[in-house]
N, C-alpha and C. Protein backbone atom coordinates (compact mmCIF):
# COMPACT_ATOMS: atom_id res chain seq x y z
N MET A 1 0.79 -1.06 -0.01
CA MET A 1 0.04 -0.02 0.00
C MET A 1 0.84 1.12 -0.19
N LYS A 2 0.56 2.18 -0.83
CA LYS A 2 1.29 3.45 -0.92
C LYS A 2 0.32 4.46 -0.23
N LEU A 3 0.71 5.41 0.47
CA LEU A 3 0.20 6.54 1.01
C LEU A 3 0.69 8.04 0.38
N GLY A 4 -0.15 8.93 0.09
CA GLY A 4 0.24 10.31 -0.39
C GLY A 4 -0.23 11.45 0.53
N PHE A 5 0.51 12.27 0.68
CA PHE A 5 0.10 13.44 1.43
C PHE A 5 0.36 14.91 0.82
N ASP A 6 -0.43 15.74 0.95
CA ASP A 6 -0.28 17.06 0.60
C ASP A 6 0.85 17.54 1.73
N ILE A 7 1.85 18.25 1.41
CA ILE A 7 2.80 18.50 2.30
C ILE A 7 2.59 19.80 3.01
N ASP A 8 2.54 21.04 2.01
CA ASP A 8 2.30 22.44 2.43
C ASP A 8 1.07 22.58 3.36
N ASP A 9 1.18 22.98 4.37
CA ASP A 9 0.04 23.25 5.44
C ASP A 9 -0.54 22.15 5.81
N THR A 10 -0.09 21.01 5.67
CA THR A 10 -0.55 19.73 6.18
C THR A 10 0.35 19.09 7.18
N LEU A 11 1.79 18.90 6.49
CA LEU A 11 2.91 18.46 7.26
C LEU A 11 3.65 19.36 7.68
N ILE A 12 3.98 20.50 6.88
CA ILE A 12 4.78 21.60 7.17
C ILE A 12 4.25 22.80 7.24
N ASN A 13 4.55 23.74 8.19
CA ASN A 13 3.95 25.03 8.37
C ASN A 13 4.25 26.04 7.27
N LEU A 14 3.96 25.89 5.98
CA LEU A 14 4.52 26.77 4.90
C LEU A 14 4.16 28.20 4.94
N ARG A 15 2.83 28.35 5.10
CA ARG A 15 2.41 29.73 5.07
C ARG A 15 3.00 30.70 6.14
N GLU A 16 3.15 30.09 7.22
CA GLU A 16 3.89 30.63 8.48
C GLU A 16 5.40 31.09 8.02
N HIS A 17 5.88 29.87 7.56
CA HIS A 17 7.27 29.93 7.02
C HIS A 17 7.41 31.24 5.95
N ALA A 18 6.60 31.15 5.15
CA ALA A 18 6.47 32.24 3.95
C ALA A 18 6.17 33.63 4.58
N PHE A 19 5.28 33.71 5.55
CA PHE A 19 5.25 34.92 6.27
C PHE A 19 6.42 35.71 6.81
N HIS A 20 7.27 34.64 7.52
CA HIS A 20 8.47 35.35 8.04
C HIS A 20 9.48 35.77 6.90
N ILE A 21 9.41 35.03 5.81
CA ILE A 21 10.33 35.26 4.56
C ILE A 21 9.82 36.68 4.10
N TYR A 22 8.45 36.85 3.91
CA TYR A 22 7.87 38.12 3.60
C TYR A 22 8.29 39.34 4.29
N ASN A 23 8.41 39.23 5.63
CA ASN A 23 8.74 40.10 6.66
C ASN A 23 10.19 40.59 6.36
N GLN A 24 10.95 39.41 6.22
CA GLN A 24 12.48 39.85 6.07
C GLN A 24 12.74 40.28 4.82
N LYS A 25 12.16 40.04 3.65
CA LYS A 25 12.53 40.59 2.35
C LYS A 25 11.67 42.04 2.20
N LEU A 26 10.62 42.18 2.79
CA LEU A 26 9.99 43.55 2.83
C LEU A 26 10.53 44.51 3.83
N GLN A 27 11.34 43.89 4.76
CA GLN A 27 12.00 44.67 5.81
C GLN A 27 10.92 45.21 6.62
N GLN A 28 10.02 44.12 7.04
CA GLN A 28 8.99 44.63 8.07
C GLN A 28 9.04 43.84 9.00
N ASN A 29 8.21 44.17 10.23
CA ASN A 29 8.11 43.31 11.39
C ASN A 29 6.86 43.13 11.72
N ILE A 30 5.95 42.41 11.01
CA ILE A 30 4.47 42.31 11.15
C ILE A 30 4.34 40.95 12.31
N GLY A 31 3.78 41.22 13.31
CA GLY A 31 3.51 40.07 14.19
C GLY A 31 2.91 38.96 13.74
N LEU A 32 3.10 37.76 14.44
CA LEU A 32 2.40 36.45 14.11
C LEU A 32 0.94 36.66 14.56
N GLU A 33 0.39 37.44 15.45
CA GLU A 33 -0.95 37.44 15.57
C GLU A 33 -1.63 37.98 14.34
N VAL A 34 -1.01 38.98 13.51
CA VAL A 34 -1.61 39.26 12.16
C VAL A 34 -1.83 38.12 11.39
N PHE A 35 -0.80 37.13 11.21
CA PHE A 35 -0.79 36.00 10.36
C PHE A 35 -1.84 35.10 11.00
N GLN A 36 -2.01 35.03 12.18
CA GLN A 36 -3.05 34.00 12.69
C GLN A 36 -4.42 34.51 12.57
N ALA A 37 -4.61 35.88 12.33
CA ALA A 37 -5.94 36.27 12.25
C ALA A 37 -6.41 36.57 10.76
N LEU A 38 -5.55 36.12 9.86
CA LEU A 38 -5.83 36.39 8.47
C LEU A 38 -7.10 35.38 8.12
N PRO A 39 -8.05 36.04 7.51
CA PRO A 39 -9.30 35.27 7.11
C PRO A 39 -8.96 34.42 5.87
N THR A 40 -8.12 34.59 5.17
CA THR A 40 -7.84 33.63 3.98
C THR A 40 -6.70 33.07 3.88
N MET A 41 -6.25 32.00 3.03
CA MET A 41 -5.17 31.37 2.73
C MET A 41 -3.89 32.19 2.50
N GLU A 42 -4.24 33.36 1.55
CA GLU A 42 -3.39 34.28 1.17
C GLU A 42 -2.69 35.24 2.27
N ILE A 43 -1.34 35.35 2.30
CA ILE A 43 -0.81 36.18 3.18
C ILE A 43 -0.56 37.45 2.94
N HIS A 44 -0.59 37.82 1.52
CA HIS A 44 -0.27 39.09 1.02
C HIS A 44 -0.89 40.39 1.74
N SER A 45 -2.15 40.17 2.13
CA SER A 45 -2.97 41.28 2.65
C SER A 45 -2.32 41.69 4.00
N ALA A 46 -1.58 40.95 4.74
CA ALA A 46 -1.05 41.28 6.19
C ALA A 46 0.09 42.25 5.73
N PHE A 47 0.59 42.49 4.42
CA PHE A 47 1.52 43.26 4.25
C PHE A 47 1.21 44.18 3.36
N ALA A 48 -0.26 44.67 3.05
CA ALA A 48 -0.90 45.74 2.43
C ALA A 48 -0.45 45.48 0.84
N LEU A 49 -0.59 44.46 0.47
CA LEU A 49 -0.11 44.15 -0.97
C LEU A 49 -1.59 43.61 -1.78
N SER A 50 -1.73 44.05 -2.94
CA SER A 50 -2.70 43.69 -3.80
C SER A 50 -2.58 41.98 -3.98
N LYS A 51 -3.52 41.40 -4.30
CA LYS A 51 -3.58 40.17 -4.91
C LYS A 51 -2.58 39.84 -6.04
N GLU A 52 -2.41 40.90 -6.86
CA GLU A 52 -1.50 40.81 -7.87
C GLU A 52 -0.05 40.96 -7.48
N GLN A 53 0.22 42.14 -6.79
CA GLN A 53 1.53 42.09 -6.03
C GLN A 53 1.96 40.98 -5.02
N GLY A 54 0.89 40.48 -4.29
CA GLY A 54 1.39 39.30 -3.41
C GLY A 54 1.62 37.99 -4.42
N GLY A 55 0.77 37.93 -5.29
CA GLY A 55 1.34 36.72 -6.31
C GLY A 55 2.40 36.89 -7.04
N LYS A 56 2.86 38.11 -7.46
CA LYS A 56 4.16 38.21 -7.77
C LYS A 56 5.44 37.96 -6.87
N LEU A 57 5.26 38.49 -5.62
CA LEU A 57 6.15 38.19 -4.53
C LEU A 57 6.51 36.63 -4.33
N TRP A 58 5.09 36.15 -4.18
CA TRP A 58 5.22 34.57 -3.80
C TRP A 58 6.00 33.91 -5.10
N HIS A 59 5.74 34.29 -6.13
CA HIS A 59 6.47 33.65 -7.38
C HIS A 59 8.00 34.03 -7.30
N SER A 60 8.23 35.05 -6.91
CA SER A 60 9.83 35.54 -6.87
C SER A 60 10.46 35.00 -5.84
N LEU A 61 9.61 34.51 -4.78
CA LEU A 61 10.25 33.76 -3.63
C LEU A 61 10.01 32.25 -3.49
N ARG A 62 9.55 31.89 -4.46
CA ARG A 62 9.00 30.42 -4.58
C ARG A 62 9.98 29.55 -4.13
N ASP A 63 11.20 29.72 -4.65
CA ASP A 63 12.18 28.69 -4.35
C ASP A 63 12.66 28.70 -2.89
N GLU A 64 12.85 30.01 -2.64
CA GLU A 64 13.18 30.19 -0.93
C GLU A 64 12.08 29.47 -0.11
N ILE A 65 10.81 29.83 -0.49
CA ILE A 65 9.82 29.39 0.41
C ILE A 65 9.76 27.78 0.48
N TYR A 66 9.80 27.34 -0.86
CA TYR A 66 9.64 25.74 -0.85
C TYR A 66 10.76 25.06 -0.63
N TYR A 67 11.96 25.62 -0.88
CA TYR A 67 13.26 24.72 -0.76
C TYR A 67 14.14 25.16 0.23
N SER A 68 13.52 25.57 1.33
CA SER A 68 14.35 26.07 2.56
C SER A 68 14.01 25.33 3.79
N ASP A 69 14.37 25.66 4.97
CA ASP A 69 14.21 24.99 6.10
C ASP A 69 12.97 25.29 6.80
N CYS A 70 11.86 24.76 6.30
CA CYS A 70 10.43 24.93 6.86
C CYS A 70 10.11 23.92 7.70
N ALA A 71 9.54 24.49 8.87
CA ALA A 71 9.27 23.54 10.10
C ALA A 71 8.16 22.80 9.94
N THR A 72 8.34 21.49 10.36
CA THR A 72 6.88 20.50 10.39
C THR A 72 6.07 20.92 11.53
N PHE A 73 4.95 20.70 11.20
CA PHE A 73 3.92 20.66 12.30
C PHE A 73 4.28 19.82 13.58
N PRO A 74 4.01 20.41 14.86
CA PRO A 74 4.07 19.32 15.99
C PRO A 74 3.63 18.07 15.70
N HIS A 75 4.49 17.12 15.93
CA HIS A 75 4.01 15.64 16.03
C HIS A 75 3.68 15.01 14.40
N ALA A 76 4.10 15.96 13.31
CA ALA A 76 3.85 15.48 11.87
C ALA A 76 4.75 14.09 11.73
N ARG A 77 5.80 14.41 11.96
CA ARG A 77 6.93 13.32 11.81
C ARG A 77 6.60 11.95 12.56
N GLU A 78 6.19 12.26 13.66
CA GLU A 78 5.89 11.05 14.42
C GLU A 78 4.58 10.29 13.97
N ALA A 79 3.54 11.21 13.57
CA ALA A 79 2.38 10.47 12.97
C ALA A 79 2.56 9.80 11.80
N LEU A 80 3.42 10.25 10.85
CA LEU A 80 3.83 9.44 9.60
C LEU A 80 4.45 8.24 9.94
N LEU A 81 5.33 8.41 10.90
CA LEU A 81 6.19 7.12 11.23
C LEU A 81 5.30 6.10 11.81
N GLN A 82 4.14 6.42 12.47
CA GLN A 82 3.12 5.59 13.14
C GLN A 82 2.48 5.08 11.95
N LEU A 83 2.04 5.80 11.02
CA LEU A 83 1.28 5.26 9.76
C LEU A 83 2.08 4.41 8.99
N VAL A 84 3.37 4.44 8.81
CA VAL A 84 4.17 3.57 8.04
C VAL A 84 4.35 2.40 8.88
N GLU A 85 4.32 2.47 10.28
CA GLU A 85 4.54 1.21 11.02
C GLU A 85 3.18 0.41 10.75
N GLN A 86 2.07 1.05 11.06
CA GLN A 86 0.75 0.50 10.72
C GLN A 86 0.39 -0.16 9.47
N VAL A 87 0.88 0.61 8.46
CA VAL A 87 0.76 -0.07 7.07
C VAL A 87 1.40 -1.47 7.01
N SER A 88 2.90 -1.31 7.59
CA SER A 88 3.70 -2.33 7.46
C SER A 88 3.21 -3.52 8.13
N GLU A 89 2.64 -3.31 9.30
CA GLU A 89 1.95 -4.60 10.11
C GLU A 89 0.79 -5.08 9.32
N ASN A 90 -0.04 -4.27 8.69
CA ASN A 90 -1.29 -4.82 8.05
C ASN A 90 -0.72 -5.37 6.88
N ASN A 91 0.25 -5.02 6.16
CA ASN A 91 0.78 -6.04 5.04
C ASN A 91 1.34 -7.23 5.43
N LYS A 92 1.84 -7.33 6.53
CA LYS A 92 2.41 -8.67 7.12
C LYS A 92 1.15 -9.46 7.29
N VAL A 93 0.06 -9.11 7.83
CA VAL A 93 -1.15 -9.87 8.20
C VAL A 93 -1.80 -10.40 6.88
N PHE A 94 -1.65 -9.61 5.75
CA PHE A 94 -2.43 -9.86 4.59
C PHE A 94 -1.43 -10.82 3.62
N SER A 95 -0.18 -10.86 4.10
CA SER A 95 0.60 -11.65 3.06
C SER A 95 0.67 -13.16 3.27
């Protein structure tokens, strides 16, 4: 059996990671409480950017956002390892 998972904002805290990168690149210091209060998935509004400006910024920082050191959500790694173990045990029973 093979399992697949969406990674960003499921296993890793990608939006918050991007929020910190935006703060750094835009030389701002917008608090995490602003991020946590966002009513939508897009983070550009926290930085007073239009949807178009936010899209351009996300695109320009895409590699840095996706291919840098983004933290996992608490217990995500352990949960995945537990699933792997359970699937492995189930496969032994049905073999």
